[in-house]
Amino acid sequence: MKSASSSNWHIQNRTAPAHEFAMRFTSTPRGARLARRLVSHRLDEWGHPYGSPLNETVTLITSELASNAVRHGHVPGRDFRVRLTETPEVVRLEVSDTRTERLPESRPPQDPANDESGRGLLLVEALADLWGVVPRNPGKGVWAEVRRSPATDG
């Protein structure tokens, strides 16, 4: 399993980010779409062109986590936050919302033929090298990391 059990082990002994982007978005489908587009745009500006494996992977992860924040983490009047960082080793994305009582878990849908949800974190788990959940005040952050390599930097 690629999910991290400890909330801090993944950030220990890492170099400072070479690039960082953070922004709050309205907790709406439009906000989720804008988050996805801006993450893809930042990655392009940082040298990971649109259509490259890293850009496509992180953009898809952003789409899933932002959609989850809107659908399952929405608290009326509260936004969700996206933070994207890049080091020479890894690109890390975190999407935070203000709902504390609903923690995400990766599990298959109960009825795969008819369930319209339940696949997002399975996709994140398949695409990310690591992912997990950290507490925030208020709420939680769901993070995912994609290791940089010649294959992902494409």
N, C-alpha and C. Protein backbone atom coordinates (compact mmCIF):
# COMPACT_ATOMS: atom_id res chain seq x y z
N MET A 1 0.84 -1.19 0.00
CA MET A 1 0.00 0.00 0.00
C MET A 1 0.88 1.24 0.00
N LYS A 2 0.52 2.21 -0.78
CA LYS A 2 1.33 3.41 -0.91
C LYS A 2 0.87 4.53 0.01
N SER A 3 -0.20 4.35 0.71
CA SER A 3 -0.68 5.37 1.63
C SER A 3 0.24 5.43 2.83
N ALA A 4 0.53 6.62 3.31
CA ALA A 4 1.42 6.80 4.45
C ALA A 4 0.63 6.72 5.75
N SER A 5 1.18 6.01 6.72
CA SER A 5 0.47 5.88 7.98
C SER A 5 0.84 6.97 8.97
N SER A 6 2.04 7.48 8.90
CA SER A 6 2.46 8.55 9.80
C SER A 6 2.30 9.89 9.10
N SER A 7 1.84 10.88 9.84
CA SER A 7 1.51 12.15 9.20
C SER A 7 2.73 12.98 8.82
N ASN A 8 3.91 12.71 9.33
CA ASN A 8 5.05 13.57 9.04
C ASN A 8 6.22 12.88 8.37
N TRP A 9 6.25 11.58 8.28
CA TRP A 9 7.43 10.92 7.78
C TRP A 9 7.75 11.32 6.34
N HIS A 10 6.75 11.64 5.55
CA HIS A 10 6.94 11.93 4.13
C HIS A 10 7.63 13.26 3.87
N ILE A 11 7.64 14.16 4.86
CA ILE A 11 8.28 15.46 4.63
C ILE A 11 9.62 15.60 5.35
N GLN A 12 10.00 14.59 6.10
CA GLN A 12 11.28 14.67 6.79
C GLN A 12 12.41 14.46 5.79
N ASN A 13 13.51 15.14 6.03
CA ASN A 13 14.73 14.99 5.21
C ASN A 13 14.51 15.33 3.74
N ARG A 14 13.64 16.25 3.44
CA ARG A 14 13.43 16.71 2.08
C ARG A 14 14.07 18.08 1.92
N THR A 15 14.48 18.36 0.70
CA THR A 15 15.04 19.67 0.42
C THR A 15 13.92 20.70 0.31
N ALA A 16 14.28 21.95 0.46
CA ALA A 16 13.30 23.03 0.34
C ALA A 16 12.75 23.05 -1.08
N PRO A 17 11.48 23.43 -1.23
CA PRO A 17 10.90 23.45 -2.57
C PRO A 17 11.61 24.45 -3.49
N ALA A 18 11.84 24.02 -4.72
CA ALA A 18 12.38 24.93 -5.74
C ALA A 18 11.26 25.81 -6.27
N HIS A 19 10.04 25.28 -6.28
CA HIS A 19 8.86 26.02 -6.73
C HIS A 19 7.72 25.74 -5.76
N GLU A 20 6.86 26.75 -5.61
CA GLU A 20 5.69 26.58 -4.76
C GLU A 20 4.54 27.44 -5.28
N PHE A 21 3.36 26.87 -5.24
CA PHE A 21 2.13 27.55 -5.62
C PHE A 21 1.07 27.18 -4.60
N ALA A 22 0.35 28.16 -4.08
CA ALA A 22 -0.74 27.90 -3.14
C ALA A 22 -1.86 28.90 -3.42
N MET A 23 -3.09 28.40 -3.34
CA MET A 23 -4.23 29.27 -3.61
C MET A 23 -5.49 28.66 -3.02
N ARG A 24 -6.41 29.52 -2.59
CA ARG A 24 -7.72 29.09 -2.13
C ARG A 24 -8.71 29.17 -3.29
N PHE A 25 -9.66 28.24 -3.29
CA PHE A 25 -10.67 28.18 -4.34
C PHE A 25 -12.05 28.02 -3.71
N THR A 26 -13.05 28.54 -4.40
CA THR A 26 -14.42 28.35 -3.91
C THR A 26 -14.75 26.87 -3.96
N SER A 27 -15.48 26.43 -2.97
CA SER A 27 -15.83 25.02 -2.87
C SER A 27 -17.02 24.70 -3.78
N THR A 28 -16.75 24.81 -5.08
CA THR A 28 -17.76 24.58 -6.13
C THR A 28 -17.11 23.78 -7.25
N PRO A 29 -17.90 23.18 -8.13
CA PRO A 29 -17.30 22.51 -9.29
C PRO A 29 -16.44 23.46 -10.13
N ARG A 30 -16.85 24.71 -10.23
CA ARG A 30 -16.04 25.68 -10.97
C ARG A 30 -14.68 25.89 -10.29
N GLY A 31 -14.67 25.96 -8.96
CA GLY A 31 -13.42 26.10 -8.22
C GLY A 31 -12.51 24.90 -8.45
N ALA A 32 -13.08 23.70 -8.48
CA ALA A 32 -12.29 22.49 -8.73
C ALA A 32 -11.68 22.52 -10.12
N ARG A 33 -12.45 22.94 -11.12
CA ARG A 33 -11.92 23.04 -12.50
C ARG A 33 -10.79 24.07 -12.58
N LEU A 34 -10.97 25.21 -11.91
CA LEU A 34 -9.95 26.24 -11.92
C LEU A 34 -8.67 25.74 -11.23
N ALA A 35 -8.81 25.02 -10.14
CA ALA A 35 -7.64 24.46 -9.45
C ALA A 35 -6.87 23.54 -10.38
N ARG A 36 -7.57 22.67 -11.07
CA ARG A 36 -6.93 21.74 -12.01
C ARG A 36 -6.19 22.51 -13.10
N ARG A 37 -6.83 23.52 -13.67
CA ARG A 37 -6.20 24.28 -14.76
C ARG A 37 -4.97 25.05 -14.28
N LEU A 38 -5.06 25.66 -13.09
CA LEU A 38 -3.93 26.44 -12.60
C LEU A 38 -2.75 25.55 -12.21
N VAL A 39 -3.02 24.36 -11.67
CA VAL A 39 -1.93 23.43 -11.38
C VAL A 39 -1.23 23.03 -12.67
N SER A 40 -1.99 22.68 -13.69
CA SER A 40 -1.39 22.31 -14.98
C SER A 40 -0.59 23.47 -15.55
N HIS A 41 -1.11 24.68 -15.43
CA HIS A 41 -0.41 25.87 -15.93
C HIS A 41 0.90 26.09 -15.17
N ARG A 42 0.87 25.98 -13.85
CA ARG A 42 2.10 26.16 -13.06
C ARG A 42 3.14 25.12 -13.45
N LEU A 43 2.72 23.87 -13.58
CA LEU A 43 3.68 22.83 -13.96
C LEU A 43 4.30 23.14 -15.32
N ASP A 44 3.50 23.64 -16.24
CA ASP A 44 4.03 24.04 -17.55
C ASP A 44 5.06 25.15 -17.38
N GLU A 45 4.74 26.16 -16.56
CA GLU A 45 5.70 27.25 -16.30
C GLU A 45 6.98 26.74 -15.66
N TRP A 46 6.88 25.69 -14.86
CA TRP A 46 8.05 25.14 -14.16
C TRP A 46 8.85 24.16 -15.03
N GLY A 47 8.48 24.02 -16.29
CA GLY A 47 9.26 23.18 -17.20
C GLY A 47 8.68 21.80 -17.44
N HIS A 48 7.45 21.56 -17.05
CA HIS A 48 6.77 20.28 -17.29
C HIS A 48 5.61 20.57 -18.24
N PRO A 49 5.86 20.52 -19.55
CA PRO A 49 4.88 20.97 -20.54
C PRO A 49 3.54 20.24 -20.46
N TYR A 50 2.50 20.94 -20.91
CA TYR A 50 1.20 20.31 -21.06
C TYR A 50 1.40 19.03 -21.87
N GLY A 51 0.77 17.96 -21.45
CA GLY A 51 0.88 16.70 -22.17
C GLY A 51 2.03 15.83 -21.71
N SER A 52 2.96 16.37 -20.91
CA SER A 52 4.05 15.54 -20.39
C SER A 52 3.49 14.60 -19.32
N PRO A 53 4.14 13.46 -19.10
CA PRO A 53 3.63 12.51 -18.10
C PRO A 53 3.44 13.14 -16.71
N LEU A 54 4.39 13.94 -16.26
CA LEU A 54 4.27 14.53 -14.93
C LEU A 54 3.11 15.51 -14.87
N ASN A 55 2.98 16.37 -15.86
CA ASN A 55 1.90 17.34 -15.89
C ASN A 55 0.55 16.63 -15.92
N GLU A 56 0.39 15.65 -16.77
CA GLU A 56 -0.88 14.95 -16.86
C GLU A 56 -1.22 14.20 -15.57
N THR A 57 -0.22 13.56 -14.97
CA THR A 57 -0.46 12.79 -13.74
C THR A 57 -0.86 13.71 -12.59
N VAL A 58 -0.11 14.77 -12.36
CA VAL A 58 -0.41 15.67 -11.24
C VAL A 58 -1.71 16.41 -11.49
N THR A 59 -2.00 16.76 -12.73
CA THR A 59 -3.26 17.42 -13.05
C THR A 59 -4.45 16.51 -12.78
N LEU A 60 -4.34 15.24 -13.12
CA LEU A 60 -5.41 14.29 -12.86
C LEU A 60 -5.60 14.08 -11.35
N ILE A 61 -4.51 13.99 -10.62
CA ILE A 61 -4.60 13.87 -9.15
C ILE A 61 -5.28 15.11 -8.57
N THR A 62 -4.90 16.28 -9.08
CA THR A 62 -5.53 17.53 -8.63
C THR A 62 -7.03 17.48 -8.87
N SER A 63 -7.42 17.04 -10.04
CA SER A 63 -8.84 16.96 -10.38
C SER A 63 -9.59 16.09 -9.38
N GLU A 64 -9.05 14.93 -9.06
CA GLU A 64 -9.71 14.02 -8.13
C GLU A 64 -9.78 14.60 -6.72
N LEU A 65 -8.66 15.14 -6.23
CA LEU A 65 -8.65 15.65 -4.85
C LEU A 65 -9.50 16.91 -4.72
N ALA A 66 -9.47 17.79 -5.71
CA ALA A 66 -10.29 18.99 -5.66
C ALA A 66 -11.77 18.63 -5.75
N SER A 67 -12.11 17.69 -6.61
CA SER A 67 -13.51 17.25 -6.70
C SER A 67 -13.98 16.65 -5.38
N ASN A 68 -13.12 15.86 -4.74
CA ASN A 68 -13.47 15.29 -3.44
C ASN A 68 -13.66 16.37 -2.39
N ALA A 69 -12.81 17.40 -2.42
CA ALA A 69 -12.94 18.49 -1.46
C ALA A 69 -14.28 19.20 -1.63
N VAL A 70 -14.71 19.37 -2.87
CA VAL A 70 -16.00 20.02 -3.14
C VAL A 70 -17.15 19.10 -2.76
N ARG A 71 -17.05 17.87 -3.15
CA ARG A 71 -18.18 16.94 -2.95
C ARG A 71 -18.30 16.44 -1.52
N HIS A 72 -17.18 16.09 -0.89
CA HIS A 72 -17.24 15.45 0.43
C HIS A 72 -16.71 16.33 1.56
N GLY A 73 -15.96 17.36 1.24
CA GLY A 73 -15.36 18.19 2.28
C GLY A 73 -15.95 19.57 2.39
N HIS A 74 -17.00 19.82 1.64
CA HIS A 74 -17.60 21.16 1.60
C HIS A 74 -18.27 21.53 2.92
N VAL A 75 -17.93 22.69 3.41
CA VAL A 75 -18.60 23.32 4.54
C VAL A 75 -19.09 24.66 4.01
N PRO A 76 -20.39 24.96 4.14
CA PRO A 76 -20.91 26.22 3.59
C PRO A 76 -20.09 27.43 4.05
N GLY A 77 -19.75 28.27 3.09
CA GLY A 77 -18.99 29.49 3.38
C GLY A 77 -17.49 29.28 3.48
N ARG A 78 -17.00 28.07 3.29
CA ARG A 78 -15.57 27.78 3.39
C ARG A 78 -15.02 27.34 2.06
N ASP A 79 -13.79 27.76 1.78
CA ASP A 79 -13.10 27.40 0.54
C ASP A 79 -12.24 26.16 0.78
N PHE A 80 -11.68 25.62 -0.29
CA PHE A 80 -10.64 24.61 -0.17
C PHE A 80 -9.34 25.23 -0.66
N ARG A 81 -8.23 24.64 -0.28
CA ARG A 81 -6.91 25.20 -0.59
C ARG A 81 -6.07 24.16 -1.31
N VAL A 82 -5.33 24.62 -2.31
CA VAL A 82 -4.40 23.77 -3.04
C VAL A 82 -3.00 24.30 -2.82
N ARG A 83 -2.08 23.39 -2.52
CA ARG A 83 -0.67 23.74 -2.40
C ARG A 83 0.13 22.76 -3.25
N LEU A 84 0.93 23.30 -4.16
CA LEU A 84 1.75 22.51 -5.07
C LEU A 84 3.19 22.90 -4.84
N THR A 85 4.06 21.92 -4.61
CA THR A 85 5.49 22.20 -4.45
C THR A 85 6.28 21.24 -5.32
N GLU A 86 7.47 21.71 -5.69
CA GLU A 86 8.38 20.87 -6.47
C GLU A 86 9.77 20.97 -5.88
N THR A 87 10.38 19.82 -5.69
CA THR A 87 11.80 19.73 -5.33
C THR A 87 12.48 18.95 -6.46
N PRO A 88 13.80 18.82 -6.41
CA PRO A 88 14.45 18.00 -7.44
C PRO A 88 13.98 16.54 -7.42
N GLU A 89 13.45 16.09 -6.28
CA GLU A 89 13.05 14.69 -6.14
C GLU A 89 11.57 14.42 -6.42
N VAL A 90 10.69 15.38 -6.07
CA VAL A 90 9.26 15.06 -6.03
C VAL A 90 8.40 16.29 -6.29
N VAL A 91 7.23 16.05 -6.88
CA VAL A 91 6.19 17.06 -6.96
C VAL A 91 5.12 16.63 -5.96
N ARG A 92 4.75 17.56 -5.09
CA ARG A 92 3.79 17.25 -4.02
C ARG A 92 2.60 18.18 -4.14
N LEU A 93 1.43 17.60 -4.04
CA LEU A 93 0.18 18.34 -4.10
C LEU A 93 -0.58 18.07 -2.80
N GLU A 94 -1.15 19.12 -2.23
CA GLU A 94 -2.03 18.94 -1.07
C GLU A 94 -3.29 19.76 -1.29
N VAL A 95 -4.43 19.12 -1.07
CA VAL A 95 -5.72 19.79 -1.14
C VAL A 95 -6.33 19.71 0.25
N SER A 96 -6.61 20.88 0.82
CA SER A 96 -7.15 20.96 2.18
C SER A 96 -8.57 21.47 2.16
N ASP A 97 -9.41 20.88 3.01
CA ASP A 97 -10.77 21.39 3.20
C ASP A 97 -11.01 21.53 4.70
N THR A 98 -12.16 22.06 5.07
CA THR A 98 -12.40 22.36 6.48
C THR A 98 -13.29 21.34 7.18
N ARG A 99 -13.60 20.26 6.53
CA ARG A 99 -14.46 19.23 7.15
C ARG A 99 -13.58 18.23 7.88
N THR A 100 -13.81 18.08 9.17
CA THR A 100 -12.95 17.19 9.97
C THR A 100 -13.53 15.80 10.17
N GLU A 101 -14.84 15.66 10.12
CA GLU A 101 -15.44 14.38 10.47
C GLU A 101 -15.46 13.36 9.33
N ARG A 102 -15.08 13.76 8.13
CA ARG A 102 -15.10 12.83 7.00
C ARG A 102 -13.69 12.65 6.47
N LEU A 103 -13.05 11.56 6.88
CA LEU A 103 -11.71 11.26 6.40
C LEU A 103 -11.79 10.35 5.18
N PRO A 104 -10.98 10.64 4.17
CA PRO A 104 -11.04 9.81 2.96
C PRO A 104 -10.38 8.46 3.18
N GLU A 105 -10.89 7.49 2.46
CA GLU A 105 -10.28 6.18 2.45
C GLU A 105 -10.39 5.60 1.06
N SER A 106 -9.38 4.85 0.69
CA SER A 106 -9.36 4.24 -0.63
C SER A 106 -10.03 2.88 -0.55
N ARG A 107 -11.17 2.77 -1.21
CA ARG A 107 -11.87 1.49 -1.25
C ARG A 107 -12.68 1.41 -2.53
N PRO A 108 -12.83 0.21 -3.06
CA PRO A 108 -13.62 0.07 -4.29
C PRO A 108 -15.08 0.42 -4.04
N PRO A 109 -15.80 0.86 -5.07
CA PRO A 109 -17.22 1.13 -4.91
C PRO A 109 -17.97 -0.14 -4.53
N GLN A 110 -19.05 0.00 -3.77
CA GLN A 110 -19.85 -1.16 -3.36
C GLN A 110 -20.45 -1.88 -4.57
N ASP A 111 -20.96 -1.11 -5.52
CA ASP A 111 -21.59 -1.65 -6.72
C ASP A 111 -20.93 -0.98 -7.93
N PRO A 112 -19.81 -1.54 -8.43
CA PRO A 112 -19.05 -0.88 -9.49
C PRO A 112 -19.87 -0.53 -10.73
N ALA A 113 -20.89 -1.31 -11.04
CA ALA A 113 -21.68 -1.05 -12.24
C ALA A 113 -22.59 0.16 -12.09
N ASN A 114 -23.00 0.49 -10.86
CA ASN A 114 -23.99 1.55 -10.66
C ASN A 114 -23.52 2.71 -9.79
N ASP A 115 -22.49 2.52 -8.99
CA ASP A 115 -22.02 3.61 -8.13
C ASP A 115 -21.35 4.68 -8.98
N GLU A 116 -21.74 5.94 -8.76
CA GLU A 116 -21.16 7.04 -9.50
C GLU A 116 -19.92 7.62 -8.82
N SER A 117 -19.61 7.16 -7.63
CA SER A 117 -18.44 7.67 -6.93
C SER A 117 -17.72 6.50 -6.27
N GLY A 118 -16.58 6.81 -5.65
CA GLY A 118 -15.83 5.79 -4.96
C GLY A 118 -14.55 5.37 -5.65
N ARG A 119 -14.30 5.90 -6.82
CA ARG A 119 -13.11 5.50 -7.58
C ARG A 119 -11.98 6.51 -7.50
N GLY A 120 -12.25 7.72 -7.05
CA GLY A 120 -11.26 8.79 -7.08
C GLY A 120 -9.98 8.49 -6.34
N LEU A 121 -10.09 8.04 -5.10
CA LEU A 121 -8.87 7.76 -4.34
C LEU A 121 -8.16 6.50 -4.83
N LEU A 122 -8.90 5.58 -5.45
CA LEU A 122 -8.24 4.44 -6.08
C LEU A 122 -7.36 4.92 -7.22
N LEU A 123 -7.85 5.91 -7.96
CA LEU A 123 -7.07 6.50 -9.05
C LEU A 123 -5.85 7.23 -8.49
N VAL A 124 -6.04 8.01 -7.43
CA VAL A 124 -4.91 8.71 -6.79
C VAL A 124 -3.88 7.69 -6.32
N GLU A 125 -4.33 6.62 -5.69
CA GLU A 125 -3.42 5.59 -5.21
C GLU A 125 -2.64 4.96 -6.36
N ALA A 126 -3.28 4.77 -7.51
CA ALA A 126 -2.61 4.17 -8.66
C ALA A 126 -1.60 5.13 -9.30
N LEU A 127 -1.89 6.43 -9.29
CA LEU A 127 -1.04 7.40 -9.98
C LEU A 127 0.09 7.94 -9.11
N ALA A 128 -0.17 8.13 -7.83
CA ALA A 128 0.83 8.75 -6.94
C ALA A 128 1.80 7.70 -6.41
N ASP A 129 3.01 8.15 -6.11
CA ASP A 129 3.96 7.25 -5.47
C ASP A 129 3.63 7.09 -3.99
N LEU A 130 3.12 8.15 -3.38
CA LEU A 130 2.66 8.14 -1.99
C LEU A 130 1.46 9.06 -1.88
N TRP A 131 0.59 8.80 -0.92
CA TRP A 131 -0.50 9.71 -0.63
C TRP A 131 -0.91 9.49 0.82
N GLY A 132 -1.59 10.47 1.38
CA GLY A 132 -2.04 10.34 2.76
C GLY A 132 -2.92 11.51 3.16
N VAL A 133 -3.25 11.52 4.44
CA VAL A 133 -4.11 12.54 5.01
C VAL A 133 -3.42 13.12 6.23
N VAL A 134 -3.45 14.45 6.36
CA VAL A 134 -2.89 15.11 7.54
C VAL A 134 -3.97 16.01 8.15
N PRO A 135 -3.98 16.11 9.48
CA PRO A 135 -4.95 17.00 10.11
C PRO A 135 -4.58 18.46 9.87
N ARG A 136 -5.57 19.29 9.74
CA ARG A 136 -5.41 20.74 9.62
C ARG A 136 -6.35 21.37 10.64
N ASN A 137 -6.14 22.64 10.92
CA ASN A 137 -7.02 23.32 11.86
C ASN A 137 -7.70 24.48 11.16
N PRO A 138 -8.91 24.39 10.75
CA PRO A 138 -9.79 23.22 10.87
C PRO A 138 -9.63 22.31 9.66
N GLY A 139 -10.09 21.10 9.79
CA GLY A 139 -10.18 20.20 8.65
C GLY A 139 -9.03 19.24 8.48
N LYS A 140 -8.75 18.96 7.23
CA LYS A 140 -7.74 17.97 6.86
C LYS A 140 -7.13 18.35 5.52
N GLY A 141 -5.98 17.77 5.25
CA GLY A 141 -5.34 17.92 3.95
C GLY A 141 -5.08 16.53 3.39
N VAL A 142 -5.40 16.34 2.14
CA VAL A 142 -5.09 15.09 1.45
C VAL A 142 -3.95 15.41 0.49
N TRP A 143 -2.84 14.69 0.63
CA TRP A 143 -1.66 15.00 -0.16
C TRP A 143 -1.30 13.79 -1.03
N ALA A 144 -0.59 14.08 -2.11
CA ALA A 144 -0.08 13.04 -3.00
C ALA A 144 1.26 13.50 -3.54
N GLU A 145 2.16 12.55 -3.70
CA GLU A 145 3.49 12.84 -4.22
C GLU A 145 3.77 11.99 -5.45
N VAL A 146 4.39 12.64 -6.44
CA VAL A 146 4.85 11.95 -7.65
C VAL A 146 6.35 12.19 -7.73
N ARG A 147 7.11 11.10 -7.70
CA ARG A 147 8.57 11.21 -7.80
C ARG A 147 8.96 11.65 -9.20
N ARG A 148 9.94 12.55 -9.25
CA ARG A 148 10.46 12.99 -10.55
C ARG A 148 11.46 11.97 -11.06
N SER A 149 11.41 11.71 -12.34
CA SER A 149 12.35 10.81 -12.98
C SER A 149 12.36 11.15 -14.47
N PRO A 150 13.31 10.61 -15.21
CA PRO A 150 13.29 10.86 -16.65
C PRO A 150 11.96 10.44 -17.29
N ALA A 151 11.33 9.39 -16.77
CA ALA A 151 10.05 8.94 -17.33
C ALA A 151 8.92 9.92 -17.05
N THR A 152 8.89 10.53 -15.86
CA THR A 152 7.80 11.46 -15.54
C THR A 152 8.09 12.85 -16.07
N ASP A 153 9.35 13.25 -16.10
CA ASP A 153 9.69 14.59 -16.57
C ASP A 153 9.53 14.70 -18.10
N GLY A 154 9.54 13.55 -18.77
CA GLY A 154 9.31 13.39 -20.19
C GLY A 154 9.54 14.56 -21.03
